[in-house]
C-alpha cells in the first residue's frame, strides 16, 4: 500500500512539475511588450494617443538594409549630409554629448528605442485649462534612464534653469515636481511632474494626470487598456508609429456645438453630430515590412446608426469593383472602385441647408443640361451611373510613344425611367462631331474623321486622322458589356473586353496602383521623344530637358510600386497606402 502511495505521489509530482514548467514558459511568452506596458498606463478617456515602438530595431534594420545602403550612396543623401542643417544637427549632438553624455544614437537606442507614448485628454467644453497630457517612455536600461534624469536636473540647476525639485507622495509612491525658471521673461514656468518606475518614465504638466498613471502602474488587475484594444481592432498593434483618435472624449464638445451654433448652421452641425456619435475609433499607422512601407487609416463605426445614404455608400464601397477584373495586370497606372454617386450627393447634401442643397443640385445640373439634354441630371441620370468605375494608363505598343488610356463607367438602366445609354452616347457624339468640325476648320490639310466599328459585336465610334493624331492614337467611345468606355484606341477597348484576370482570394481590394518600374521602362525607352516634347511644349533647352529626365529616372529607381487598397469588415474599413521599394528594407 505504501509503495502504491509513493508511486502515485511520484507520478503526481512529475505532472505538477510539467504543469509548472508550462505555466512558467507560457507566462514568459505572454509577457507584455514595451508598448503594452505603456498603454496600460494611458487613461481610457484620452482623446488622442500617439505610439512609437521599436525605434531602435527599425533604425538598425534600415541602416543595414540594401535599400538604406543604396539610398545612403545616392546624390540626394550626399547633398543632405553636406547641407547646413545637417551640420547644425552635428553641433547640437556635440552639445548633447558634452552636457548629458549621450549622442543621438544612444538617446535613440537606450532611451527612446523601446516605446514612447504621448496622450492628450481634452477638458470640458470652454475650459481649456482642464486639458491634460502625459508623455510615457520605456527605456532599454533603467540605469541609463536614471542617470540621464539625474544629469538633466544637475545641468539645469547649475545653469539656473531648474529653480526647484521636490519629492511628492501619492498612495505611498514617490514622484517629483520640477519648477523651471524662464530667463527670457524673468519668471517661473508652470510646474511639471515626473514619475520613474524602473525603465518607465512618465512626465506631465498636470499632477492629476500623473497620479492617474501611478495608480494604473501600481494596479496589477489592469488590462492593456482601451488604446491597445483599438489598435488591435484596426491592425495597428505592430506599427512603428500609430495615432489613435477616441471620438468619445470629444462628445461633450460636439454636443455643446450643437447647442451654441447659429440657427442657419444648426442642421449641418446636428447632422455632423449624428455621424460623430456613430464613429467608434480612428487609427492612423505607419509600419515597415520586408520590402513595403505601409501607411494605413482605419475607421470603425456603428454603421446601423448612420443615415440611410451613408449606409448605402458604405455598403457599395465595401465590395471590390468588377472593373479590376477587366484591367490589365500590369500598367503604368490603374484606379477603380465602387462609388454610388447619388448616395454621395445625399451624404454631402445632409450637411447643407435646404437652400444650399438646391444650389448644389442646380450647379451640377447646369453644365449637363445642354450637353446631355437632361435638365435633372442629379435625379434622372446620376443614379444610373456606377457604382463601378475604373481607369487605366498602360505602356504603348511598339512604334508609338503615347500610352494607352481607358476610362470605364458602369451604366445601369434599371435605376432610371429614361434609357441613359442613348443620352450618354448622344452627348459623346455631339462632342466628337464638334471636335472634328473645329479641327478641320483650322487644319484643312490634316482632317479628322469620325468612324464606326465593332468590338465583340458592339458598336463603337472613333476618331481617325493620319496626320492629325500621334501614331497608335484613335480616340474611341462606346457601350461595352454594360460599361460606358472612353479609350485612346480601339486596341485598348479590345483589351478591356477580353481581359479577365482574377484577383487573389482574400486580398485587399485595390483602389489605385502605380507601377514605377513600368514608368522607368517607359521613360527610358521613349526618352528622346519625351525630351523633344519638353523642348517644344515647355520651351526648355535640350540640356535642361535632359537633366529633368535624368533626375526623374534617378528618383524612380528607389520605388517599384505604390498601391492604395481597402480592407472591409463588419463596421470597419482600413485604407492602406503601400509603397514597395526597389531594394529590401531588412536584411
Protein backbone atom coordinates (compact mmCIF):
# COMPACT_ATOMS: atom_id res chain seq x y z
CA UNK A 1 0.00 0.00 0.00
CA UNK A 2 2.86 2.33 0.89
CA UNK A 3 4.55 1.52 -2.43
CA UNK A 4 1.39 2.36 -4.35
CA UNK A 5 1.06 5.63 -2.49
CA UNK A 6 4.69 6.55 -3.25
CA UNK A 7 4.19 5.60 -6.89
CA UNK A 8 1.07 7.78 -7.21
CA UNK A 9 2.84 10.62 -5.39
CA UNK A 10 5.84 10.35 -7.73
CA UNK A 11 3.61 10.44 -10.81
CA UNK A 12 1.68 13.40 -9.38
CA UNK A 13 4.99 15.19 -8.70
CA UNK A 14 6.08 14.73 -12.31
CA UNK A 15 2.70 16.01 -13.51
CA UNK A 16 2.97 19.04 -11.22
CA UNK A 17 6.47 19.85 -12.50
CA UNK A 18 5.36 19.59 -16.13
CA UNK A 19 2.34 21.78 -15.39
CA UNK A 20 4.51 24.33 -13.59
CA UNK A 21 7.03 24.39 -16.45
CA UNK A 22 4.16 25.01 -18.90
CA UNK A 23 2.80 27.86 -16.80
CA UNK A 24 6.23 29.47 -16.43
CA UNK A 25 7.05 29.16 -20.13
CA UNK A 26 3.61 30.47 -21.06
CA UNK A 27 3.96 33.45 -18.76
CA UNK A 28 7.23 34.29 -20.48
CA UNK A 29 5.66 34.11 -23.93
CA UNK A 30 2.72 36.17 -22.74
CA UNK A 31 4.93 38.89 -21.21
CA UNK A 32 3.76 42.37 -22.11
CA UNK A 33 5.68 44.21 -24.80
CA UNK A 34 7.11 47.67 -24.02
CA UNK A 35 4.22 49.19 -25.98
CA UNK A 36 1.68 47.27 -23.88
CA UNK A 37 3.45 48.26 -20.67
CA UNK A 38 2.94 51.92 -21.54
CA UNK A 39 -0.57 51.66 -22.99
CA UNK A 40 -1.70 50.05 -19.73
CA UNK A 41 -0.95 53.42 -18.09
CA UNK A 42 -2.98 55.51 -20.56
CA UNK A 43 -6.45 56.56 -19.31
CA UNK A 44 -9.32 55.27 -21.46
CA UNK A 45 -10.73 58.81 -21.56
CA UNK A 46 -7.89 60.33 -23.63
CA UNK A 47 -8.78 61.93 -26.95
CA UNK A 48 -5.51 61.34 -28.82
CA UNK A 49 -2.79 58.80 -28.26
CA UNK A 50 0.45 58.61 -30.28
CA UNK A 51 2.61 55.49 -30.01
CA UNK A 52 6.13 54.87 -31.36
CA UNK A 53 7.57 51.41 -30.75
CA UNK A 54 10.82 49.58 -31.51
CA UNK A 55 12.51 52.66 -32.94
CA UNK A 56 15.87 51.04 -32.21
CA UNK A 57 15.10 47.88 -34.18
CA UNK A 58 13.65 49.76 -37.13
CA UNK A 59 16.64 52.13 -37.27
CA UNK A 60 19.12 49.24 -37.19
CA UNK A 61 17.22 47.36 -39.90
CA UNK A 62 17.06 50.48 -42.08
CA UNK A 63 20.79 51.25 -41.76
CA UNK A 64 21.91 47.73 -42.69
CA UNK A 65 19.27 47.11 -45.36
CA UNK A 66 20.07 47.06 -49.10
CA UNK A 67 17.64 49.97 -49.55
CA UNK A 68 19.31 52.04 -46.82
CA UNK A 69 22.76 51.43 -48.27
CA UNK A 70 21.55 52.31 -51.77
CA UNK A 71 19.87 55.50 -50.52
CA UNK A 72 22.95 56.45 -48.49
CA UNK A 73 25.07 56.44 -51.66
CA UNK A 74 22.60 58.49 -53.68
CA UNK A 75 23.31 62.11 -54.73
CA UNK A 76 20.32 63.20 -52.64
CA UNK A 77 21.81 61.73 -49.44
CA UNK A 78 25.21 63.30 -50.21
CA UNK A 79 23.52 66.67 -50.68
CA UNK A 80 21.69 66.33 -47.35
CA UNK A 81 24.89 65.42 -45.49
CA UNK A 82 26.65 68.47 -46.92
CA UNK A 83 23.80 70.83 -46.04
CA UNK A 84 23.96 73.47 -43.33
CA UNK A 85 21.04 71.90 -41.43
CA UNK A 86 22.88 68.58 -41.20
CA UNK A 87 25.98 70.30 -39.83
CA UNK A 88 23.78 72.14 -37.34
CA UNK A 89 22.44 68.78 -36.14
CA UNK A 90 26.03 67.65 -35.61
CA UNK A 91 26.74 70.72 -33.49
CA UNK A 92 23.62 70.03 -31.37
CA UNK A 93 24.76 66.42 -30.93
CA UNK A 94 28.17 67.51 -29.64
CA UNK A 95 26.49 69.78 -27.08
CA UNK A 96 24.16 66.96 -26.07
CA UNK A 97 27.07 64.61 -25.53
CA UNK A 98 29.03 67.21 -23.60
CA UNK A 99 26.19 68.01 -21.19
CA UNK A 100 24.28 64.73 -20.92
CA UNK A 101 26.80 62.13 -22.02
CA UNK A 102 24.56 60.85 -24.85
CA UNK A 103 24.78 61.15 -28.61
CA UNK A 104 21.81 60.79 -30.99
CA UNK A 105 22.32 57.04 -31.36
CA UNK A 106 22.43 56.30 -27.62
CA UNK A 107 19.46 58.57 -26.99
CA UNK A 108 17.52 56.74 -29.69
CA UNK A 109 18.55 53.23 -28.72
CA UNK A 110 18.82 53.33 -24.91
CA UNK A 111 16.12 55.87 -24.03
CA UNK A 112 13.57 56.07 -26.85
CA UNK A 113 14.21 52.75 -28.59
CA UNK A 114 11.63 50.53 -26.87
CA UNK A 115 8.44 52.60 -26.85
CA UNK A 116 7.20 56.17 -26.46
CA UNK A 117 3.58 57.26 -25.90
CA UNK A 118 2.06 60.75 -25.99
CA UNK A 119 -1.52 61.05 -24.75
CA UNK A 120 -3.92 64.01 -24.59
CA UNK A 121 -7.22 64.35 -22.76
CA UNK A 122 -9.48 67.34 -23.61
CA UNK A 123 -11.12 69.42 -20.93
CA UNK A 124 -14.77 70.32 -20.54
CA UNK A 125 -16.31 72.50 -23.28
CA UNK A 126 -15.00 76.04 -22.96
CA UNK A 127 -12.48 75.04 -20.25
CA UNK A 128 -9.07 74.73 -21.98
CA UNK A 129 -7.31 74.88 -18.60
CA UNK A 130 -8.69 71.41 -17.88
CA UNK A 131 -6.77 69.84 -20.77
CA UNK A 132 -4.28 67.19 -19.69
CA UNK A 133 -1.41 65.37 -21.34
CA UNK A 134 1.28 62.87 -20.49
CA UNK A 135 4.44 61.51 -22.09
CA UNK A 136 5.45 57.94 -21.32
CA UNK A 137 8.62 56.16 -22.35
CA UNK A 138 10.05 52.77 -21.69
CA UNK A 139 13.88 52.78 -21.79
CA UNK A 140 16.00 49.76 -22.61
CA UNK A 141 18.15 50.24 -19.49
CA UNK A 142 16.70 51.70 -16.30
CA UNK A 143 20.17 52.64 -15.01
CA UNK A 144 20.87 54.75 -18.11
CA UNK A 145 17.43 56.39 -17.72
CA UNK A 146 18.05 57.23 -14.05
CA UNK A 147 21.48 58.65 -14.85
CA UNK A 148 20.05 60.79 -17.66
CA UNK A 149 17.32 62.25 -15.43
CA UNK A 150 19.85 63.00 -12.69
CA UNK A 151 22.19 64.66 -15.16
CA UNK A 152 19.42 66.80 -16.69
CA UNK A 153 18.40 68.01 -13.24
CA UNK A 154 22.03 68.75 -12.32
CA UNK A 155 22.84 70.66 -15.53
CA UNK A 156 19.64 72.72 -15.34
CA UNK A 157 20.27 73.54 -11.68
CA UNK A 158 23.83 74.66 -12.40
CA UNK A 159 22.67 76.84 -15.30
CA UNK A 160 19.81 78.36 -13.30
CA UNK A 161 17.07 76.77 -15.38
CA UNK A 162 15.75 74.47 -12.63
CA UNK A 163 14.65 76.52 -9.64
CA UNK A 164 13.12 73.78 -7.50
CA UNK A 165 12.99 69.97 -7.45
CA UNK A 166 10.84 68.42 -4.73
CA UNK A 167 9.57 64.97 -3.81
CA UNK A 168 5.86 64.26 -3.52
CA UNK A 169 3.83 61.25 -2.41
CA UNK A 170 0.70 59.61 -3.78
CA UNK A 171 -0.60 56.45 -2.08
CA UNK A 172 2.90 55.79 -0.78
CA UNK A 173 4.57 56.26 -4.15
CA UNK A 174 7.21 58.95 -4.73
CA UNK A 175 7.11 61.29 -7.71
CA UNK A 176 8.73 64.65 -8.36
CA UNK A 177 7.72 68.25 -9.00
CA UNK A 178 10.00 70.41 -11.18
CA UNK A 179 9.79 74.19 -11.23
CA UNK A 180 11.80 75.78 -14.06
CA UNK A 181 12.78 79.41 -14.45
CA UNK A 182 12.45 81.20 -17.80
CA UNK A 183 15.36 83.64 -18.06
CA UNK A 184 13.93 85.36 -21.12
CA UNK A 185 10.80 86.63 -19.39
CA UNK A 186 12.27 86.56 -15.86
CA UNK A 187 9.58 84.40 -14.30
CA UNK A 188 8.79 80.81 -13.37
CA UNK A 189 7.32 78.39 -15.85
CA UNK A 190 4.29 76.24 -14.91
CA UNK A 191 5.47 73.22 -12.89
CA UNK A 192 5.93 69.76 -14.40
CA UNK A 193 5.74 66.39 -12.68
CA UNK A 194 7.52 63.13 -13.37
CA UNK A 195 7.47 59.60 -12.07
CA UNK A 196 10.05 56.85 -12.58
CA UNK A 197 9.45 53.17 -12.07
CA UNK A 198 12.36 51.07 -13.30
CA UNK A 199 12.68 51.64 -17.06
CA UNK A 200 9.40 53.60 -17.25
CA UNK A 201 9.26 57.39 -17.15
CA UNK A 202 6.01 59.40 -17.01
CA UNK A 203 6.09 63.18 -17.50
CA UNK A 204 3.10 65.53 -17.29
CA UNK A 205 2.27 69.19 -16.72
CA UNK A 206 -0.83 68.11 -14.75
CA UNK A 207 -0.38 66.48 -11.37
CA UNK A 208 -3.77 64.78 -11.55
CA UNK A 209 -2.83 63.03 -14.79
CA UNK A 210 0.47 61.81 -13.34
CA UNK A 211 -1.28 60.43 -10.26
CA UNK A 212 -3.66 58.53 -12.54
CA UNK A 213 -0.63 56.98 -14.25
CA UNK A 214 0.79 55.97 -10.86
CA UNK A 215 -2.49 54.32 -9.89
CA UNK A 216 -2.58 52.38 -13.17
CA UNK A 217 1.04 51.34 -12.77
CA UNK A 218 0.50 50.03 -9.26
CA UNK A 219 -2.74 48.23 -10.08
CA UNK A 220 -1.96 44.65 -11.05
CA UNK A 221 -5.50 43.94 -12.19
CA UNK A 222 -5.49 46.38 -15.12
CA UNK A 223 -5.51 45.15 -18.70
CA UNK A 224 -3.83 46.63 -21.76
CA UNK A 225 -6.38 49.45 -21.94
CA UNK A 226 -8.72 50.95 -24.50
CA UNK A 227 -5.92 52.28 -26.72
CA UNK A 228 -4.33 48.84 -27.09
CA UNK A 229 -7.71 47.27 -27.92
CA UNK A 230 -8.47 49.86 -30.59
CA UNK A 231 -5.04 49.43 -32.18
CA UNK A 232 -5.57 45.68 -32.30
CA UNK A 233 -9.03 46.04 -33.89
CA UNK A 234 -7.63 48.13 -36.74
CA UNK A 235 -4.45 46.05 -37.29
CA UNK A 236 -2.01 48.64 -35.92
CA UNK A 237 -0.61 46.81 -32.90
CA UNK A 238 2.73 46.12 -34.65
CA UNK A 239 3.10 49.52 -36.34
CA UNK A 240 6.22 51.61 -35.91
CA UNK A 241 4.00 54.66 -35.37
CA UNK A 242 0.28 54.84 -34.62
CA UNK A 243 -2.16 57.57 -33.68
CA UNK A 244 -5.48 56.69 -32.07
CA UNK A 245 -8.39 59.12 -32.07
CA UNK A 246 -11.05 58.44 -29.44
CA UNK A 247 -14.32 60.16 -30.51
CA UNK A 248 -15.94 59.61 -27.13
CA UNK A 249 -13.51 62.04 -25.48
CA UNK A 250 -14.91 64.84 -27.64
CA UNK A 251 -18.64 64.02 -27.30
CA UNK A 252 -19.24 66.83 -24.82
CA UNK A 253 -17.59 69.35 -27.15
CA UNK A 254 -19.64 68.20 -30.13
CA UNK A 255 -22.83 68.31 -28.07
CA UNK A 256 -22.03 71.84 -26.90
CA UNK A 257 -21.51 72.95 -30.50
CA UNK A 258 -24.94 71.69 -31.50
CA UNK A 259 -26.49 73.92 -28.82
CA UNK A 260 -24.38 77.02 -29.41
CA UNK A 261 -24.33 77.03 -33.21
CA UNK A 262 -26.37 79.72 -35.05
CA UNK A 263 -29.75 78.69 -36.43
CA UNK A 264 -28.60 78.79 -40.08
CA UNK A 265 -25.92 76.19 -39.34
CA UNK A 266 -27.84 74.12 -36.82
CA UNK A 267 -28.99 71.42 -39.25
CA UNK A 268 -25.47 70.85 -40.59
CA UNK A 269 -23.91 70.63 -37.12
CA UNK A 270 -26.60 68.24 -35.87
CA UNK A 271 -26.09 66.10 -38.98
CA UNK A 272 -22.35 66.01 -38.25
CA UNK A 273 -23.10 65.05 -34.63
CA UNK A 274 -25.05 62.04 -35.87
CA UNK A 275 -22.03 60.80 -37.81
CA UNK A 276 -19.74 61.57 -34.89
CA UNK A 277 -21.80 59.53 -32.43
CA UNK A 278 -21.70 56.55 -34.78
CA UNK A 279 -17.91 56.80 -35.05
CA UNK A 280 -16.13 54.44 -32.64
CA UNK A 281 -12.45 54.75 -33.42
CA UNK A 282 -9.93 56.14 -35.91
CA UNK A 283 -6.34 54.88 -36.18
CA UNK A 284 -3.56 56.18 -38.42
CA UNK A 285 -0.48 53.95 -38.52
CA UNK A 286 2.88 53.55 -40.24
CA UNK A 287 4.55 50.17 -40.49
CA UNK A 288 7.60 48.75 -42.27
CA UNK A 289 7.79 45.20 -43.67
CA UNK A 290 10.41 43.32 -45.67
CA UNK A 291 10.03 45.49 -48.78
CA UNK A 292 6.92 47.56 -48.09
CA UNK A 293 6.20 50.79 -46.26
CA UNK A 294 2.52 50.88 -45.24
CA UNK A 295 0.54 53.95 -44.24
CA UNK A 296 -2.93 52.92 -43.03
CA UNK A 297 -6.08 54.75 -41.99
CA UNK A 298 -8.57 52.60 -40.11
CA UNK A 299 -12.10 53.68 -39.25
CA UNK A 300 -14.54 51.77 -37.05
CA UNK A 301 -18.19 52.82 -36.71
CA UNK A 302 -21.66 51.59 -35.84
CA UNK A 303 -22.97 51.52 -39.40
CA UNK A 304 -26.58 50.90 -38.35
CA UNK A 305 -26.65 54.35 -36.70
CA UNK A 306 -25.58 56.17 -39.86
CA UNK A 307 -28.09 57.88 -42.20
CA UNK A 308 -29.52 55.70 -44.95
CA UNK A 309 -27.43 57.30 -47.74
CA UNK A 310 -24.21 56.78 -45.74
CA UNK A 311 -25.08 53.13 -45.13
CA UNK A 312 -25.62 52.66 -48.88
CA UNK A 313 -22.33 54.39 -49.65
CA UNK A 314 -20.50 52.23 -47.11
CA UNK A 315 -22.11 49.05 -48.46
CA UNK A 316 -21.15 49.76 -52.06
CA UNK A 317 -17.62 50.78 -51.15
CA UNK A 318 -17.06 47.56 -49.19
CA UNK A 319 -17.28 45.48 -52.39
CA UNK A 320 -14.45 45.18 -54.91
CA UNK A 321 -15.14 46.86 -58.24
CA UNK A 322 -15.70 44.49 -61.14
CA UNK A 323 -13.69 46.88 -63.34
CA UNK A 324 -10.46 45.49 -61.84
CA UNK A 325 -11.31 42.15 -63.45
CA UNK A 326 -11.07 43.85 -66.86
CA UNK A 327 -7.93 45.93 -66.40
CA UNK A 328 -4.52 44.53 -67.45
CA UNK A 329 -2.44 43.02 -64.62
CA UNK A 330 0.48 45.32 -65.44
CA UNK A 331 0.02 49.00 -66.26
CA UNK A 332 1.59 52.38 -65.59
CA UNK A 333 -1.44 53.45 -63.55
CA UNK A 334 -4.75 51.84 -62.62
CA UNK A 335 -7.62 53.02 -60.47
CA UNK A 336 -11.07 51.67 -59.77
CA UNK A 337 -13.73 51.43 -57.07
CA UNK A 338 -17.44 51.28 -56.38
CA UNK A 339 -18.94 54.70 -55.73
CA UNK A 340 -22.65 55.40 -55.53
CA UNK A 341 -22.79 58.95 -56.86
CA UNK A 342 -26.40 59.54 -55.85
CA UNK A 343 -25.69 58.34 -52.28
CA UNK A 344 -22.59 60.54 -52.09
CA UNK A 345 -24.65 63.54 -53.17
CA UNK A 346 -27.23 62.74 -50.46
CA UNK A 347 -24.48 62.46 -47.83
CA UNK A 348 -23.00 65.82 -48.81
CA UNK A 349 -26.43 67.38 -49.00
CA UNK A 350 -27.15 66.38 -45.42
CA UNK A 351 -24.55 68.89 -44.23
CA UNK A 352 -26.18 71.75 -46.14
CA UNK A 353 -29.22 73.90 -45.56
CA UNK A 354 -32.17 73.25 -47.90
CA UNK A 355 -31.29 76.36 -49.89
CA UNK A 356 -27.63 75.39 -50.21
CA UNK A 357 -28.67 71.88 -51.23
CA UNK A 358 -30.80 73.29 -54.05
CA UNK A 359 -27.89 75.49 -55.16
CA UNK A 360 -25.58 72.45 -55.26
CA UNK A 361 -28.03 70.45 -57.39
CA UNK A 362 -28.53 73.41 -59.74
CA UNK A 363 -24.75 73.81 -60.07
CA UNK A 364 -24.40 70.14 -61.02
CA UNK A 365 -27.38 70.19 -63.39
CA UNK A 366 -26.38 73.35 -65.25
CA UNK A 367 -23.36 72.06 -67.23
CA UNK A 368 -25.15 68.83 -68.17
CA UNK A 369 -28.37 70.44 -69.31
CA UNK A 370 -27.05 71.49 -72.72
CA UNK A 371 -24.58 68.62 -73.18
CA UNK A 372 -26.91 65.78 -72.21
CA UNK A 373 -30.27 67.44 -72.90
CA UNK A 374 -31.15 66.43 -69.36
CA UNK A 375 -32.44 69.14 -67.04
CA UNK A 376 -32.39 66.96 -63.90
CA UNK A 377 -29.01 65.24 -64.11
CA UNK A 378 -28.77 64.52 -60.36
CA UNK A 379 -32.24 62.96 -60.20
CA UNK A 380 -32.65 61.26 -63.59
CA UNK A 381 -29.17 60.25 -64.78
CA UNK A 382 -26.79 60.19 -61.81
CA UNK A 383 -28.48 57.14 -60.16
CA UNK A 384 -27.79 55.14 -63.34
CA UNK A 385 -24.06 55.86 -63.34
CA UNK A 386 -21.87 53.42 -61.45
CA UNK A 387 -21.21 52.29 -58.90
CA UNK A 388 -18.33 50.55 -60.74
CA UNK A 389 -15.76 52.77 -62.42
CA UNK A 390 -12.12 52.48 -63.37
CA UNK A 391 -9.33 53.94 -65.46
CA UNK A 392 -6.07 52.62 -66.79
CA UNK A 393 -2.90 54.05 -68.33
CA UNK A 394 -0.67 51.39 -69.92
CA UNK A 395 2.54 51.34 -71.93
CA UNK A 396 2.24 51.98 -75.69
CA UNK A 397 2.76 49.43 -78.42
CA UNK A 398 5.91 49.34 -80.50
CA UNK A 399 6.19 52.29 -82.84
CA UNK A 400 4.26 54.68 -80.58
CA UNK A 401 5.26 56.90 -77.66
CA UNK A 402 1.74 57.64 -76.41
CA UNK A 403 0.47 55.42 -73.55
CA UNK A 404 -2.90 53.70 -73.87
CA UNK A 405 -5.69 55.31 -71.84
CA UNK A 406 -9.07 53.87 -70.89
CA UNK A 407 -11.92 55.01 -68.65
CA UNK A 408 -14.93 52.79 -67.91
CA UNK A 409 -18.15 53.56 -66.04
CA UNK A 410 -20.95 51.11 -65.33
CA UNK A 411 -24.34 52.21 -66.70
CA UNK A 412 -27.40 50.64 -65.05
CA UNK A 413 -30.60 51.45 -66.97
CA UNK A 414 -32.74 49.89 -64.21
CA UNK A 415 -32.11 52.86 -61.94
CA UNK A 416 -33.87 55.42 -64.17
CA UNK A 417 -37.03 55.75 -66.24
CA UNK A 418 -35.16 57.06 -69.28
CA UNK A 419 -32.54 54.93 -71.13
CA UNK A 420 -29.24 56.52 -70.03
CA UNK A 421 -27.25 54.81 -72.80
CA UNK A 422 -28.81 56.91 -75.54
CA UNK A 423 -28.35 60.11 -73.56
CA UNK A 424 -24.66 59.44 -72.93
CA UNK A 425 -23.86 58.30 -76.45
CA UNK A 426 -25.72 61.26 -77.92
CA UNK A 427 -23.64 63.61 -75.76
CA UNK A 428 -20.38 61.93 -76.83
CA UNK A 429 -21.45 62.01 -80.48
CA UNK A 430 -22.13 65.73 -80.17
CA UNK A 431 -18.73 66.36 -78.55
CA UNK A 432 -16.87 64.24 -81.14
CA UNK A 433 -18.53 65.97 -84.09
CA UNK A 434 -17.81 69.37 -82.60
CA UNK A 435 -14.10 68.43 -82.22
CA UNK A 436 -13.94 67.19 -85.81
CA UNK A 437 -15.61 70.33 -87.13
CA UNK A 438 -13.40 72.70 -85.14
CA UNK A 439 -10.20 70.86 -86.06
CA UNK A 440 -10.99 70.56 -89.78
CA UNK A 441 -11.80 74.27 -89.98
CA UNK A 442 -8.38 75.13 -88.54
CA UNK A 443 -6.39 72.32 -90.19
CA UNK A 444 -7.98 71.54 -93.58
CA UNK A 445 -4.77 69.82 -94.80
CA UNK A 446 -4.85 67.22 -91.99
CA UNK A 447 -8.52 66.47 -91.32
CA UNK A 448 -10.08 64.27 -88.67
CA UNK A 449 -12.90 61.82 -89.33
CA UNK A 450 -15.48 60.16 -87.06
CA UNK A 451 -15.96 56.49 -87.96
CA UNK A 452 -17.76 53.41 -86.59
CA UNK A 453 -16.53 49.89 -85.93
CA UNK A 454 -17.39 46.85 -83.81
CA UNK A 455 -15.73 45.40 -80.73
CA UNK A 456 -17.07 41.92 -79.99
CA UNK A 457 -20.24 42.70 -81.91
CA UNK A 458 -20.85 46.00 -80.09
CA UNK A 459 -20.75 49.27 -81.98
CA UNK A 460 -18.09 51.83 -81.08
CA UNK A 461 -17.11 55.15 -82.64
CA UNK A 462 -13.61 56.51 -83.02
CA UNK A 463 -11.64 59.45 -84.43
CA UNK A 464 -9.02 58.90 -87.05
CA UNK A 465 -6.59 61.15 -88.88
CA UNK A 466 -3.30 60.03 -90.40
CA UNK A 467 -1.55 63.39 -90.00
CA UNK A 468 -3.57 64.77 -87.10
CA UNK A 469 -3.14 62.18 -84.36
CA UNK A 470 0.02 60.57 -82.92
CA UNK A 471 0.85 57.06 -84.03
CA UNK A 472 -1.34 54.47 -82.30
CA UNK A 473 -3.92 57.02 -81.10
CA UNK A 474 -7.56 56.63 -82.16
CA UNK A 475 -9.85 58.17 -79.52
CA UNK A 476 -12.85 55.85 -79.20
CA UNK A 477 -16.03 55.52 -77.17
CA UNK A 478 -18.98 53.19 -76.86
CA UNK A 479 -21.06 50.90 -74.65
CA UNK A 480 -19.31 47.60 -73.97
CA UNK A 481 -20.81 44.90 -71.73
CA UNK A 482 -22.80 47.46 -69.75
CA UNK A 483 -19.95 49.95 -69.41
CA UNK A 484 -19.54 53.35 -71.00
CA UNK A 485 -15.95 53.15 -72.24
CA UNK A 486 -13.78 56.02 -73.45
CA UNK A 487 -10.32 55.00 -74.67
CA UNK A 488 -7.34 56.25 -76.62
CA UNK A 489 -7.61 53.47 -79.21
CA UNK A 490 -9.71 50.55 -80.41
CA UNK A 491 -6.95 48.25 -79.19
CA UNK A 492 -7.50 49.48 -75.61
CA UNK A 493 -11.22 48.71 -75.94
CA UNK A 494 -10.47 45.20 -77.19
CA UNK A 495 -8.19 44.59 -74.23
CA UNK A 496 -10.92 45.78 -71.85
CA UNK A 497 -13.44 43.29 -73.26
CA UNK A 498 -11.02 40.36 -73.47
CA UNK A 499 -9.08 40.77 -70.19
CA UNK A 500 -10.26 38.52 -67.35
CA UNK A 501 -7.51 38.49 -64.69
CA UNK A 502 -8.67 37.02 -61.39
CA UNK A 503 -7.98 38.89 -58.15
CA UNK A 504 -6.38 36.73 -55.40
CA UNK A 505 -8.96 35.45 -52.93
CA UNK A 506 -8.90 37.29 -49.64
CA UNK A 507 -6.55 40.01 -50.89
CA UNK A 508 -7.18 43.66 -50.02
CA UNK A 509 -9.37 45.47 -52.54
CA UNK A 510 -7.21 47.64 -54.82
CA UNK A 511 -8.24 51.25 -55.38
CA UNK A 512 -5.15 52.73 -57.02
CA UNK A 513 -1.95 51.17 -58.33
CA UNK A 514 1.10 52.90 -59.84
CA UNK A 515 3.96 50.84 -61.26
CA UNK A 516 7.13 52.92 -61.01
CA UNK A 517 9.06 50.02 -62.51
CA UNK A 518 6.95 50.23 -65.68
CA UNK A 519 7.26 54.01 -65.66
CA UNK A 520 11.07 53.65 -65.60
CA UNK A 521 10.92 51.31 -68.55
CA UNK A 522 8.56 53.57 -70.48
CA UNK A 523 10.57 56.75 -69.83
CA UNK A 524 13.87 55.03 -70.69
CA UNK A 525 12.59 53.54 -73.96
CA UNK A 526 11.00 56.82 -75.10
CA UNK A 527 13.48 59.22 -73.54
CA UNK A 528 14.36 61.08 -76.73
CA UNK A 529 10.76 61.57 -77.79
CA UNK A 530 9.81 62.91 -74.33
CA UNK A 531 12.83 65.24 -74.21
CA UNK A 532 11.87 66.59 -77.63
CA UNK A 533 8.29 67.09 -76.41
CA UNK A 534 9.51 69.07 -73.37
CA UNK A 535 11.69 71.22 -75.60
CA UNK A 536 8.79 72.06 -77.90
CA UNK A 537 5.90 72.41 -75.45
CA UNK A 538 7.62 73.66 -72.29
CA UNK A 539 10.11 75.87 -74.15
CA UNK A 540 13.11 74.23 -72.45
CA UNK A 541 16.65 73.98 -73.73
CA UNK A 542 17.66 70.45 -74.62
CA UNK A 543 20.25 70.18 -71.85
CA UNK A 544 17.68 71.36 -69.26
CA UNK A 545 15.04 68.90 -70.51
CA UNK A 546 17.61 66.07 -70.48
CA UNK A 547 18.60 66.93 -66.91
CA UNK A 548 14.96 66.84 -65.80
CA UNK A 549 14.58 63.37 -67.32
CA UNK A 550 17.76 62.15 -65.63
CA UNK A 551 16.62 63.48 -62.24
CA UNK A 552 13.21 61.87 -62.65
CA UNK A 553 14.68 58.48 -63.60
CA UNK A 554 17.12 58.68 -60.68
CA UNK A 555 14.26 59.24 -58.24
CA UNK A 556 12.19 56.40 -59.71
CA UNK A 557 14.99 53.90 -59.08
CA UNK A 558 14.10 53.68 -55.38
CA UNK A 559 10.45 52.58 -55.73
CA UNK A 560 8.87 49.66 -57.55
CA UNK A 561 5.18 50.20 -56.92
CA UNK A 562 2.64 52.18 -54.91
CA UNK A 563 -0.83 50.84 -54.18
CA UNK A 564 -3.84 52.17 -52.32
CA UNK A 565 -6.07 49.34 -51.10
CA UNK A 566 -9.04 48.79 -48.85
CA UNK A 567 -9.99 46.06 -46.39
CA UNK A 568 -13.52 45.96 -45.08
CA UNK A 569 -15.10 44.04 -42.23
CA UNK A 570 -18.43 44.48 -40.41
CA UNK A 571 -18.42 48.00 -39.02
CA UNK A 572 -14.93 48.96 -40.11
CA UNK A 573 -12.73 49.81 -43.08
CA UNK A 574 -8.95 50.15 -43.39
CA UNK A 575 -7.33 52.11 -46.23
CA UNK A 576 -3.64 51.31 -46.79
CA UNK A 577 -1.10 53.06 -48.99
CA UNK A 578 1.69 50.56 -49.68
CA UNK A 579 5.00 51.69 -51.17
CA UNK A 580 7.16 48.82 -52.40
CA UNK A 581 10.84 49.74 -52.50
CA UNK A 582 13.29 48.58 -55.17
CA UNK A 583 15.57 47.01 -52.53
CA UNK A 584 14.70 45.18 -49.33
CA UNK A 585 14.19 47.25 -46.17
CA UNK A 586 15.57 44.48 -43.98
CA UNK A 587 18.47 42.07 -44.43
